Amino acid sequence: MRLDELEVFKLLGTGLLGRVTLVKHGKTGQIYALKGMSKNAVVGNRLDPQLLSEISVQRDIDYVFLMRMVRTFADPRRVYILNQATLGG
């Protein structure tokens, strides 16, 4: 799966470092939550250790009641974390 295969169709929220969008994988139709963070904001706020820790923890956790990280992406401006979408209440 590549970043350019994901179609953004809804903004879920915004924060200090970026935003979370609901995306659909073009080939499979699978829905995900994509967290996109500005590299400049991460480094500027000295949050790179926390980001690496977040990715490490999410990668290693496999528990039915927690959202699973699918993979990460990066481009020249942003870092992305692709998670399972947990829709509903």
C-alpha atoms as a PDB file:
ATOM      1  CA  MET A   1       0.000   0.000   0.000  1.00  0.00           C
ATOM      2  CA  ARG A   2       1.230   3.458  -0.925  1.00  0.00           C
ATOM      3  CA  LEU A   3       0.234   6.882   0.382  1.00  0.00           C
ATOM      4  CA  ASP A   4      -0.980   7.968  -3.068  1.00  0.00           C
ATOM      5  CA  GLU A   5      -3.464   5.043  -3.083  1.00  0.00           C
ATOM      6  CA  LEU A   6      -5.401   6.606  -0.176  1.00  0.00           C
ATOM      7  CA  GLU A   7      -8.353   8.884  -0.919  1.00  0.00           C
ATOM      8  CA  VAL A   8      -9.193  11.470   1.750  1.00  0.00           C
ATOM      9  CA  PHE A   9     -12.913  11.906   2.239  1.00  0.00           C
ATOM     10  CA  LYS A  10     -13.461  13.363   5.708  1.00  0.00           C
ATOM     11  CA  LEU A  11     -11.556  15.471   8.237  1.00  0.00           C
ATOM     12  CA  LEU A  12     -11.858  13.911  11.697  1.00  0.00           C
ATOM     13  CA  GLY A  13      -9.862  16.448  13.700  1.00  0.00           C
ATOM     14  CA  THR A  14      -6.934  18.847  13.893  1.00  0.00           C
ATOM     15  CA  GLY A  15      -4.256  19.432  16.477  1.00  0.00           C
ATOM     16  CA  LEU A  16      -0.946  21.105  17.213  1.00  0.00           C
ATOM     17  CA  LEU A  17       1.050  18.951  14.785  1.00  0.00           C
ATOM     18  CA  GLY A  18      -1.438  18.245  12.008  1.00  0.00           C
ATOM     19  CA  ARG A  19      -4.733  16.529  11.323  1.00  0.00           C
ATOM     20  CA  VAL A  20      -6.507  13.188  11.257  1.00  0.00           C
ATOM     21  CA  THR A  21      -8.523  12.288   8.185  1.00  0.00           C
ATOM     22  CA  LEU A  22     -10.719   9.388   7.211  1.00  0.00           C
ATOM     23  CA  VAL A  23      -9.310   7.774   4.079  1.00  0.00           C
ATOM     24  CA  LYS A  24     -10.237   4.935   1.764  1.00  0.00           C
ATOM     25  CA  HIS A  25      -7.755   2.627   0.059  1.00  0.00           C
ATOM     26  CA  GLY A  26      -8.496   2.899  -3.655  1.00  0.00           C
ATOM     27  CA  LYS A  27      -7.821  -0.739  -4.533  1.00  0.00           C
ATOM     28  CA  THR A  28      -9.567  -2.487  -1.631  1.00  0.00           C
ATOM     29  CA  GLY A  29     -12.115   0.069  -0.422  1.00  0.00           C
ATOM     30  CA  GLN A  30     -10.878  -0.420   3.151  1.00  0.00           C
ATOM     31  CA  ILE A  31     -11.421   2.584   5.458  1.00  0.00           C
ATOM     32  CA  TYR A  32      -8.613   3.911   7.691  1.00  0.00           C
ATOM     33  CA  ALA A  33      -7.753   6.885   9.905  1.00  0.00           C
ATOM     34  CA  LEU A  34      -4.668   8.738   8.676  1.00  0.00           C
ATOM     35  CA  LYS A  35      -2.800  10.950  11.132  1.00  0.00           C
ATOM     36  CA  GLY A  36      -0.597  13.442   9.268  1.00  0.00           C
ATOM     37  CA  MET A  37       1.961  15.500  11.198  1.00  0.00           C
ATOM     38  CA  SER A  38       4.216  18.278   9.994  1.00  0.00           C
ATOM     39  CA  LYS A  39       7.882  17.326  10.343  1.00  0.00           C
ATOM     40  CA  ASN A  40       8.723  20.973  11.120  1.00  0.00           C
ATOM     41  CA  ALA A  41       6.116  21.078  13.908  1.00  0.00           C
ATOM     42  CA  VAL A  42       7.338  17.776  15.379  1.00  0.00           C
ATOM     43  CA  VAL A  43      10.976  18.885  15.432  1.00  0.00           C
ATOM     44  CA  GLY A  44      10.153  22.499  16.354  1.00  0.00           C
ATOM     45  CA  ASN A  45       8.219  21.348  19.432  1.00  0.00           C
ATOM     46  CA  ARG A  46      10.926  18.779  20.254  1.00  0.00           C
ATOM     47  CA  LEU A  47       8.393  15.956  20.000  1.00  0.00           C
ATOM     48  CA  ASP A  48      10.411  13.611  17.779  1.00  0.00           C
ATOM     49  CA  PRO A  49      11.220  11.223  20.688  1.00  0.00           C
ATOM     50  CA  GLN A  50       7.517  11.054  21.587  1.00  0.00           C
ATOM     51  CA  LEU A  51       6.554  10.417  17.965  1.00  0.00           C
ATOM     52  CA  LEU A  52       9.057   7.575  17.671  1.00  0.00           C
ATOM     53  CA  SER A  53       7.761   6.160  20.947  1.00  0.00           C
ATOM     54  CA  GLU A  54       4.137   6.391  19.747  1.00  0.00           C
ATOM     55  CA  ILE A  55       4.994   4.522  16.551  1.00  0.00           C
ATOM     56  CA  SER A  56       6.958   1.871  18.462  1.00  0.00           C
ATOM     57  CA  VAL A  57       4.167   1.257  20.987  1.00  0.00           C
ATOM     58  CA  GLN A  58       1.435   1.150  18.340  1.00  0.00           C
ATOM     59  CA  ARG A  59       3.480  -1.225  16.194  1.00  0.00           C
ATOM     60  CA  ASP A  60       3.962  -3.683  19.057  1.00  0.00           C
ATOM     61  CA  ILE A  61       0.449  -3.664  20.549  1.00  0.00           C
ATOM     62  CA  ASP A  62      -2.117  -6.205  19.394  1.00  0.00           C
ATOM     63  CA  TYR A  63      -5.193  -5.946  21.603  1.00  0.00           C
ATOM     64  CA  VAL A  64      -8.825  -6.204  20.553  1.00  0.00           C
ATOM     65  CA  PHE A  65      -9.907  -2.977  22.322  1.00  0.00           C
ATOM     66  CA  LEU A  66      -7.116  -0.784  20.881  1.00  0.00           C
ATOM     67  CA  MET A  67      -6.860   0.723  17.431  1.00  0.00           C
ATOM     68  CA  ARG A  68      -4.205  -1.090  15.393  1.00  0.00           C
ATOM     69  CA  MET A  69      -1.529   0.784  13.465  1.00  0.00           C
ATOM     70  CA  VAL A  70      -1.389  -0.461   9.882  1.00  0.00           C
ATOM     71  CA  ARG A  71       1.780   1.298   8.725  1.00  0.00           C
ATOM     72  CA  THR A  72       3.630   4.595   8.513  1.00  0.00           C
ATOM     73  CA  PHE A  73       4.469   6.846   5.576  1.00  0.00           C
ATOM     74  CA  ALA A  74       6.615   9.932   5.105  1.00  0.00           C
ATOM     75  CA  ASP A  75       7.040  12.562   2.445  1.00  0.00           C
ATOM     76  CA  PRO A  76       9.338  15.605   2.444  1.00  0.00           C
ATOM     77  CA  ARG A  77       6.946  17.651   4.652  1.00  0.00           C
ATOM     78  CA  ARG A  78       4.947  15.197   6.750  1.00  0.00           C
ATOM     79  CA  VAL A  79       4.974  11.955   8.713  1.00  0.00           C
ATOM     80  CA  TYR A  80       1.843   9.806   8.585  1.00  0.00           C
ATOM     81  CA  ILE A  81       0.460   7.034  10.790  1.00  0.00           C
ATOM     82  CA  LEU A  82      -2.229   4.866   9.210  1.00  0.00           C
ATOM     83  CA  ASN A  83      -4.561   3.255  11.748  1.00  0.00           C
ATOM     84  CA  GLN A  84      -7.606   1.077  11.658  1.00  0.00           C
ATOM     85  CA  ALA A  85     -10.710   3.246  11.616  1.00  0.00           C
ATOM     86  CA  THR A  86     -12.888   2.752  14.684  1.00  0.00           C
ATOM     87  CA  LEU A  87     -16.206   4.192  13.599  1.00  0.00           C
ATOM     88  CA  GLY A  88     -19.359   4.266  15.639  1.00  0.00           C
ATOM     89  CA  GLY A  89     -19.874   4.537  19.332  1.00  0.00           C
END
